[in-house]
Amino acid sequence: MNEVLTRLQTLAAKRFGDKALTLDANADFFEALGIDSLQALDLLTDLEEAFDIEVPDYELADVTTFGGLAEVLEARL
């Protein structure tokens, strides 16, 4: 999962700034990055393209941390 988490942080940093690189797996990305649900969907689009996967919205309904998002992505790889 570390590789997926690192790629996730790198992609989040490209979209929302370098602060994403310093956040740990338990960080709430909405709060830590100051983003809303539409911005999170933009990030999801970036992730789906980068990992060449498709993640249904319902799998992300309660996901708010980088670690949780990395787990969902890894399950699709």
PDB file of N, CA and C in Angstrom:
ATOM      1  N   MET A   1       0.815  -1.194   0.000  1.00  0.00           N
ATOM      2  CA  MET A   1       0.000   0.000   0.000  1.00  0.00           C
ATOM      3  C   MET A   1       0.860   1.260   0.000  1.00  0.00           C
ATOM      4  N   ASN A   2       2.084   1.175   0.463  1.00  0.00           N
ATOM      5  CA  ASN A   2       2.940   2.360   0.525  1.00  0.00           C
ATOM      6  C   ASN A   2       3.148   2.989  -0.842  1.00  0.00           C
ATOM      7  N   GLU A   3       3.314   2.158  -1.870  1.00  0.00           N
ATOM      8  CA  GLU A   3       3.518   2.686  -3.227  1.00  0.00           C
ATOM      9  C   GLU A   3       2.266   3.425  -3.707  1.00  0.00           C
ATOM     10  N   VAL A   4       1.112   2.842  -3.458  1.00  0.00           N
ATOM     11  CA  VAL A   4      -0.147   3.474  -3.856  1.00  0.00           C
ATOM     12  C   VAL A   4      -0.336   4.777  -3.093  1.00  0.00           C
ATOM     13  N   LEU A   5      -0.055   4.766  -1.796  1.00  0.00           N
ATOM     14  CA  LEU A   5      -0.190   5.970  -0.982  1.00  0.00           C
ATOM     15  C   LEU A   5       0.746   7.067  -1.468  1.00  0.00           C
ATOM     16  N   THR A   6       1.971   6.717  -1.813  1.00  0.00           N
ATOM     17  CA  THR A   6       2.934   7.698  -2.311  1.00  0.00           C
ATOM     18  C   THR A   6       2.461   8.298  -3.632  1.00  0.00           C
ATOM     19  N   ARG A   7       1.964   7.460  -4.537  1.00  0.00           N
ATOM     20  CA  ARG A   7       1.449   7.973  -5.816  1.00  0.00           C
ATOM     21  C   ARG A   7       0.236   8.866  -5.593  1.00  0.00           C
ATOM     22  N   LEU A   8      -0.620   8.480  -4.653  1.00  0.00           N
ATOM     23  CA  LEU A   8      -1.793   9.277  -4.315  1.00  0.00           C
ATOM     24  C   LEU A   8      -1.382  10.655  -3.797  1.00  0.00           C
ATOM     25  N   GLN A   9      -0.421  10.684  -2.893  1.00  0.00           N
ATOM     26  CA  GLN A   9       0.050  11.958  -2.347  1.00  0.00           C
ATOM     27  C   GLN A   9       0.681  12.831  -3.433  1.00  0.00           C
ATOM     28  N   THR A  10       1.422  12.216  -4.327  1.00  0.00           N
ATOM     29  CA  THR A  10       2.059  12.962  -5.416  1.00  0.00           C
ATOM     30  C   THR A  10       1.015  13.590  -6.333  1.00  0.00           C
ATOM     31  N   LEU A  11      -0.010  12.828  -6.680  1.00  0.00           N
ATOM     32  CA  LEU A  11      -1.071  13.360  -7.538  1.00  0.00           C
ATOM     33  C   LEU A  11      -1.870  14.451  -6.822  1.00  0.00           C
ATOM     34  N   ALA A  12      -2.116  14.256  -5.533  1.00  0.00           N
ATOM     35  CA  ALA A  12      -2.827  15.286  -4.760  1.00  0.00           C
ATOM     36  C   ALA A  12      -1.988  16.558  -4.675  1.00  0.00           C
ATOM     37  N   ALA A  13      -0.679  16.407  -4.555  1.00  0.00           N
ATOM     38  CA  ALA A  13       0.216  17.574  -4.483  1.00  0.00           C
ATOM     39  C   ALA A  13       0.201  18.356  -5.793  1.00  0.00           C
ATOM     40  N   LYS A  14       0.128  17.660  -6.911  1.00  0.00           N
ATOM     41  CA  LYS A  14       0.074  18.344  -8.204  1.00  0.00           C
ATOM     42  C   LYS A  14      -1.186  19.196  -8.329  1.00  0.00           C
ATOM     43  N   ARG A  15      -2.269  18.714  -7.773  1.00  0.00           N
ATOM     44  CA  ARG A  15      -3.542  19.419  -7.898  1.00  0.00           C
ATOM     45  C   ARG A  15      -3.748  20.451  -6.784  1.00  0.00           C
ATOM     46  N   PHE A  16      -3.303  20.121  -5.550  1.00  0.00           N
ATOM     47  CA  PHE A  16      -3.645  20.965  -4.399  1.00  0.00           C
ATOM     48  C   PHE A  16      -2.450  21.560  -3.660  1.00  0.00           C
ATOM     49  N   GLY A  17      -1.242  21.297  -4.124  1.00  0.00           N
ATOM     50  CA  GLY A  17      -0.071  21.882  -3.480  1.00  0.00           C
ATOM     51  C   GLY A  17       0.751  20.859  -2.710  1.00  0.00           C
ATOM     52  N   ASP A  18       1.985  21.242  -2.430  1.00  0.00           N
ATOM     53  CA  ASP A  18       2.953  20.333  -1.821  1.00  0.00           C
ATOM     54  C   ASP A  18       2.581  19.856  -0.423  1.00  0.00           C
ATOM     55  N   LYS A  19       1.654  20.516   0.227  1.00  0.00           N
ATOM     56  CA  LYS A  19       1.244  20.084   1.570  1.00  0.00           C
ATOM     57  C   LYS A  19       0.799  18.621   1.562  1.00  0.00           C
ATOM     58  N   ALA A  20       0.230  18.162   0.472  1.00  0.00           N
ATOM     59  CA  ALA A  20      -0.251  16.782   0.374  1.00  0.00           C
ATOM     60  C   ALA A  20       0.876  15.777   0.562  1.00  0.00           C
ATOM     61  N   LEU A  21       2.092  16.156   0.218  1.00  0.00           N
ATOM     62  CA  LEU A  21       3.232  15.242   0.349  1.00  0.00           C
ATOM     63  C   LEU A  21       3.605  14.993   1.805  1.00  0.00           C
ATOM     64  N   THR A  22       3.219  15.875   2.695  1.00  0.00           N
ATOM     65  CA  THR A  22       3.602  15.744   4.109  1.00  0.00           C
ATOM     66  C   THR A  22       2.532  15.082   4.956  1.00  0.00           C
ATOM     67  N   LEU A  23       1.383  14.786   4.382  1.00  0.00           N
ATOM     68  CA  LEU A  23       0.282  14.214   5.148  1.00  0.00           C
ATOM     69  C   LEU A  23       0.429  12.707   5.276  1.00  0.00           C
ATOM     70  N   ASP A  24       0.057  12.178   6.442  1.00  0.00           N
ATOM     71  CA  ASP A  24       0.153  10.727   6.627  1.00  0.00           C
ATOM     72  C   ASP A  24      -1.148  10.054   6.206  1.00  0.00           C
ATOM     73  N   ALA A  25      -1.165   8.745   6.302  1.00  0.00           N
ATOM     74  CA  ALA A  25      -2.297   7.957   5.830  1.00  0.00           C
ATOM     75  C   ALA A  25      -3.586   8.259   6.588  1.00  0.00           C
ATOM     76  N   ASN A  26      -3.478   8.718   7.825  1.00  0.00           N
ATOM     77  CA  ASN A  26      -4.667   8.994   8.630  1.00  0.00           C
ATOM     78  C   ASN A  26      -5.217  10.398   8.455  1.00  0.00           C
ATOM     79  N   ALA A  27      -4.554  11.204   7.649  1.00  0.00           N
ATOM     80  CA  ALA A  27      -4.988  12.587   7.453  1.00  0.00           C
ATOM     81  C   ALA A  27      -6.297  12.630   6.669  1.00  0.00           C
ATOM     82  N   ASP A  28      -7.227  13.422   7.152  1.00  0.00           N
ATOM     83  CA  ASP A  28      -8.476  13.663   6.449  1.00  0.00           C
ATOM     84  C   ASP A  28      -8.171  14.634   5.312  1.00  0.00           C
ATOM     85  N   PHE A  29      -8.270  14.172   4.082  1.00  0.00           N
ATOM     86  CA  PHE A  29      -7.842  15.014   2.963  1.00  0.00           C
ATOM     87  C   PHE A  29      -8.754  16.209   2.742  1.00  0.00           C
ATOM     88  N   PHE A  30     -10.023  16.116   3.112  1.00  0.00           N
ATOM     89  CA  PHE A  30     -10.901  17.283   2.998  1.00  0.00           C
ATOM     90  C   PHE A  30     -10.419  18.397   3.923  1.00  0.00           C
ATOM     91  N   GLU A  31     -10.181  18.033   5.165  1.00  0.00           N
ATOM     92  CA  GLU A  31      -9.771  19.012   6.165  1.00  0.00           C
ATOM     93  C   GLU A  31      -8.335  19.501   5.939  1.00  0.00           C
ATOM     94  N   ALA A  32      -7.430  18.565   5.719  1.00  0.00           N
ATOM     95  CA  ALA A  32      -6.010  18.916   5.599  1.00  0.00           C
ATOM     96  C   ALA A  32      -5.711  19.762   4.361  1.00  0.00           C
ATOM     97  N   LEU A  33      -6.403  19.478   3.279  1.00  0.00           N
ATOM     98  CA  LEU A  33      -6.149  20.208   2.040  1.00  0.00           C
ATOM     99  C   LEU A  33      -7.144  21.349   1.819  1.00  0.00           C
ATOM    100  N   GLY A  34      -8.184  21.398   2.649  1.00  0.00           N
ATOM    101  CA  GLY A  34      -9.179  22.448   2.504  1.00  0.00           C
ATOM    102  C   GLY A  34      -9.967  22.333   1.210  1.00  0.00           C
ATOM    103  N   ILE A  35     -10.336  21.092   0.854  1.00  0.00           N
ATOM    104  CA  ILE A  35     -11.053  20.878  -0.401  1.00  0.00           C
ATOM    105  C   ILE A  35     -12.498  20.489  -0.134  1.00  0.00           C
ATOM    106  N   ASP A  36     -13.316  20.623  -1.165  1.00  0.00           N
ATOM    107  CA  ASP A  36     -14.715  20.209  -1.064  1.00  0.00           C
ATOM    108  C   ASP A  36     -14.935  18.948  -1.900  1.00  0.00           C
ATOM    109  N   SER A  37     -16.164  18.482  -1.923  1.00  0.00           N
ATOM    110  CA  SER A  37     -16.454  17.212  -2.611  1.00  0.00           C
ATOM    111  C   SER A  37     -16.220  17.298  -4.120  1.00  0.00           C
ATOM    112  N   LEU A  38     -16.449  18.444  -4.727  1.00  0.00           N
ATOM    113  CA  LEU A  38     -16.185  18.575  -6.161  1.00  0.00           C
ATOM    114  C   LEU A  38     -14.690  18.488  -6.459  1.00  0.00           C
ATOM    115  N   GLN A  39     -13.885  19.096  -5.619  1.00  0.00           N
ATOM    116  CA  GLN A  39     -12.432  19.009  -5.795  1.00  0.00           C
ATOM    117  C   GLN A  39     -11.954  17.569  -5.560  1.00  0.00           C
ATOM    118  N   ALA A  40     -12.588  16.882  -4.630  1.00  0.00           N
ATOM    119  CA  ALA A  40     -12.244  15.478  -4.389  1.00  0.00           C
ATOM    120  C   ALA A  40     -12.575  14.627  -5.619  1.00  0.00           C
ATOM    121  N   LEU A  41     -13.656  14.946  -6.296  1.00  0.00           N
ATOM    122  CA  LEU A  41     -14.003  14.222  -7.528  1.00  0.00           C
ATOM    123  C   LEU A  41     -12.982  14.487  -8.627  1.00  0.00           C
ATOM    124  N   ASP A  42     -12.470  15.701  -8.687  1.00  0.00           N
ATOM    125  CA  ASP A  42     -11.405  16.003  -9.649  1.00  0.00           C
ATOM    126  C   ASP A  42     -10.174  15.148  -9.363  1.00  0.00           C
ATOM    127  N   LEU A  43      -9.841  15.030  -8.078  1.00  0.00           N
ATOM    128  CA  LEU A  43      -8.709  14.187  -7.687  1.00  0.00           C
ATOM    129  C   LEU A  43      -8.977  12.734  -8.063  1.00  0.00           C
ATOM    130  N   LEU A  44     -10.196  12.266  -7.844  1.00  0.00           N
ATOM    131  CA  LEU A  44     -10.545  10.898  -8.199  1.00  0.00           C
ATOM    132  C   LEU A  44     -10.352  10.658  -9.695  1.00  0.00           C
ATOM    133  N   THR A  45     -10.742  11.611 -10.504  1.00  0.00           N
ATOM    134  CA  THR A  45     -10.545  11.492 -11.954  1.00  0.00           C
ATOM    135  C   THR A  45      -9.056  11.358 -12.279  1.00  0.00           C
ATOM    136  N   ASP A  46      -8.234  12.176 -11.637  1.00  0.00           N
ATOM    137  CA  ASP A  46      -6.778  12.081 -11.826  1.00  0.00           C
ATOM    138  C   ASP A  46      -6.268  10.699 -11.437  1.00  0.00           C
ATOM    139  N   LEU A  47      -6.767  10.189 -10.317  1.00  0.00           N
ATOM    140  CA  LEU A  47      -6.319   8.887  -9.825  1.00  0.00           C
ATOM    141  C   LEU A  47      -6.745   7.764 -10.759  1.00  0.00           C
ATOM    142  N   GLU A  48      -7.976   7.828 -11.233  1.00  0.00           N
ATOM    143  CA  GLU A  48      -8.454   6.792 -12.147  1.00  0.00           C
ATOM    144  C   GLU A  48      -7.612   6.764 -13.417  1.00  0.00           C
ATOM    145  N   GLU A  49      -7.254   7.920 -13.916  1.00  0.00           N
ATOM    146  CA  GLU A  49      -6.415   7.977 -15.114  1.00  0.00           C
ATOM    147  C   GLU A  49      -5.002   7.479 -14.822  1.00  0.00           C
ATOM    148  N   ALA A  50      -4.443   7.889 -13.706  1.00  0.00           N
ATOM    149  CA  ALA A  50      -3.061   7.510 -13.366  1.00  0.00           C
ATOM    150  C   ALA A  50      -2.922   6.010 -13.112  1.00  0.00           C
ATOM    151  N   PHE A  51      -3.928   5.426 -12.460  1.00  0.00           N
ATOM    152  CA  PHE A  51      -3.867   4.005 -12.131  1.00  0.00           C
ATOM    153  C   PHE A  51      -4.560   3.137 -13.165  1.00  0.00           C
ATOM    154  N   ASP A  52      -5.203   3.762 -14.169  1.00  0.00           N
ATOM    155  CA  ASP A  52      -5.938   3.058 -15.216  1.00  0.00           C
ATOM    156  C   ASP A  52      -6.983   2.117 -14.619  1.00  0.00           C
ATOM    157  N   ILE A  53      -7.793   2.676 -13.719  1.00  0.00           N
ATOM    158  CA  ILE A  53      -8.870   1.931 -13.075  1.00  0.00           C
ATOM    159  C   ILE A  53     -10.118   2.806 -13.049  1.00  0.00           C
ATOM    160  N   GLU A  54     -11.235   2.183 -12.672  1.00  0.00           N
ATOM    161  CA  GLU A  54     -12.474   2.915 -12.473  1.00  0.00           C
ATOM    162  C   GLU A  54     -13.001   2.563 -11.087  1.00  0.00           C
ATOM    163  N   VAL A  55     -13.282   3.587 -10.289  1.00  0.00           N
ATOM    164  CA  VAL A  55     -13.762   3.391  -8.922  1.00  0.00           C
ATOM    165  C   VAL A  55     -15.186   3.930  -8.826  1.00  0.00           C
ATOM    166  N   PRO A  56     -16.143   3.055  -8.519  1.00  0.00           N
ATOM    167  CA  PRO A  56     -17.522   3.523  -8.369  1.00  0.00           C
ATOM    168  C   PRO A  56     -17.646   4.470  -7.171  1.00  0.00           C
ATOM    169  N   ASP A  57     -18.484   5.472  -7.302  1.00  0.00           N
ATOM    170  CA  ASP A  57     -18.669   6.462  -6.248  1.00  0.00           C
ATOM    171  C   ASP A  57     -19.065   5.831  -4.912  1.00  0.00           C
ATOM    172  N   TYR A  58     -19.890   4.775  -4.951  1.00  0.00           N
ATOM    173  CA  TYR A  58     -20.368   4.184  -3.700  1.00  0.00           C
ATOM    174  C   TYR A  58     -19.225   3.596  -2.867  1.00  0.00           C
ATOM    175  N   GLU A  59     -18.116   3.218  -3.509  1.00  0.00           N
ATOM    176  CA  GLU A  59     -16.976   2.686  -2.759  1.00  0.00           C
ATOM    177  C   GLU A  59     -16.242   3.775  -1.984  1.00  0.00           C
ATOM    178  N   LEU A  60     -16.504   5.016  -2.324  1.00  0.00           N
ATOM    179  CA  LEU A  60     -15.816   6.138  -1.688  1.00  0.00           C
ATOM    180  C   LEU A  60     -16.712   6.934  -0.757  1.00  0.00           C
ATOM    181  N   ALA A  61     -17.927   6.466  -0.528  1.00  0.00           N
ATOM    182  CA  ALA A  61     -18.911   7.228   0.234  1.00  0.00           C
ATOM    183  C   ALA A  61     -18.409   7.670   1.610  1.00  0.00           C
ATOM    184  N   ASP A  62     -17.716   6.824   2.319  1.00  0.00           N
ATOM    185  CA  ASP A  62     -17.261   7.154   3.673  1.00  0.00           C
ATOM    186  C   ASP A  62     -15.755   7.341   3.761  1.00  0.00           C
ATOM    187  N   VAL A  63     -15.076   7.403   2.644  1.00  0.00           N
ATOM    188  CA  VAL A  63     -13.618   7.530   2.637  1.00  0.00           C
ATOM    189  C   VAL A  63     -13.232   9.000   2.743  1.00  0.00           C
ATOM    190  N   THR A  64     -12.435   9.319   3.767  1.00  0.00           N
ATOM    191  CA  THR A  64     -11.989  10.702   3.947  1.00  0.00           C
ATOM    192  C   THR A  64     -10.494  10.807   4.218  1.00  0.00           C
ATOM    193  N   THR A  65      -9.818   9.659   4.329  1.00  0.00           N
ATOM    194  CA  THR A  65      -8.378   9.698   4.615  1.00  0.00           C
ATOM    195  C   THR A  65      -7.581   9.198   3.418  1.00  0.00           C
ATOM    196  N   PHE A  66      -6.310   9.608   3.377  1.00  0.00           N
ATOM    197  CA  PHE A  66      -5.426   9.129   2.319  1.00  0.00           C
ATOM    198  C   PHE A  66      -5.272   7.609   2.395  1.00  0.00           C
ATOM    199  N   GLY A  67      -5.156   7.072   3.607  1.00  0.00           N
ATOM    200  CA  GLY A  67      -5.023   5.629   3.769  1.00  0.00           C
ATOM    201  C   GLY A  67      -6.243   4.884   3.269  1.00  0.00           C
ATOM    202  N   GLY A  68      -7.422   5.387   3.597  1.00  0.00           N
ATOM    203  CA  GLY A  68      -8.655   4.759   3.125  1.00  0.00           C
ATOM    204  C   GLY A  68      -8.776   4.799   1.619  1.00  0.00           C
ATOM    205  N   LEU A  69      -8.406   5.921   1.048  1.00  0.00           N
ATOM    206  CA  LEU A  69      -8.444   6.046  -0.411  1.00  0.00           C
ATOM    207  C   LEU A  69      -7.432   5.117  -1.060  1.00  0.00           C
ATOM    208  N   ALA A  70      -6.255   5.001  -0.466  1.00  0.00           N
ATOM    209  CA  ALA A  70      -5.223   4.098  -0.992  1.00  0.00           C
ATOM    210  C   ALA A  70      -5.708   2.654  -0.951  1.00  0.00           C
ATOM    211  N   GLU A  71      -6.421   2.273   0.101  1.00  0.00           N
ATOM    212  CA  GLU A  71      -6.959   0.904   0.207  1.00  0.00           C
ATOM    213  C   GLU A  71      -7.966   0.625  -0.901  1.00  0.00           C
ATOM    214  N   VAL A  72      -8.842   1.586  -1.161  1.00  0.00           N
ATOM    215  CA  VAL A  72      -9.829   1.416  -2.230  1.00  0.00           C
ATOM    216  C   VAL A  72      -9.137   1.274  -3.579  1.00  0.00           C
ATOM    217  N   LEU A  73      -8.137   2.112  -3.824  1.00  0.00           N
ATOM    218  CA  LEU A  73      -7.406   2.037  -5.088  1.00  0.00           C
ATOM    219  C   LEU A  73      -6.682   0.710  -5.229  1.00  0.00           C
ATOM    220  N   GLU A  74      -6.022   0.288  -4.156  1.00  0.00           N
ATOM    221  CA  GLU A  74      -5.254  -0.963  -4.206  1.00  0.00           C
ATOM    222  C   GLU A  74      -6.158  -2.165  -4.471  1.00  0.00           C
ATOM    223  N   ALA A  75      -7.373  -2.152  -3.938  1.00  0.00           N
ATOM    224  CA  ALA A  75      -8.305  -3.244  -4.162  1.00  0.00           C
ATOM    225  C   ALA A  75      -8.706  -3.344  -5.633  1.00  0.00           C
ATOM    226  N   ARG A  76      -8.605  -2.241  -6.363  1.00  0.00           N
ATOM    227  CA  ARG A  76      -8.972  -2.216  -7.782  1.00  0.00           C
ATOM    228  C   ARG A  76      -7.811  -2.548  -8.708  1.00  0.00           C
ATOM    229  N   LEU A  77      -6.596  -2.570  -8.171  1.00  0.00           N
ATOM    230  CA  LEU A  77      -5.421  -2.844  -9.018  1.00  0.00           C
ATOM    231  C   LEU A  77      -5.248  -4.320  -9.273  1.00  0.00           C
TER     232      LEU A  77
END
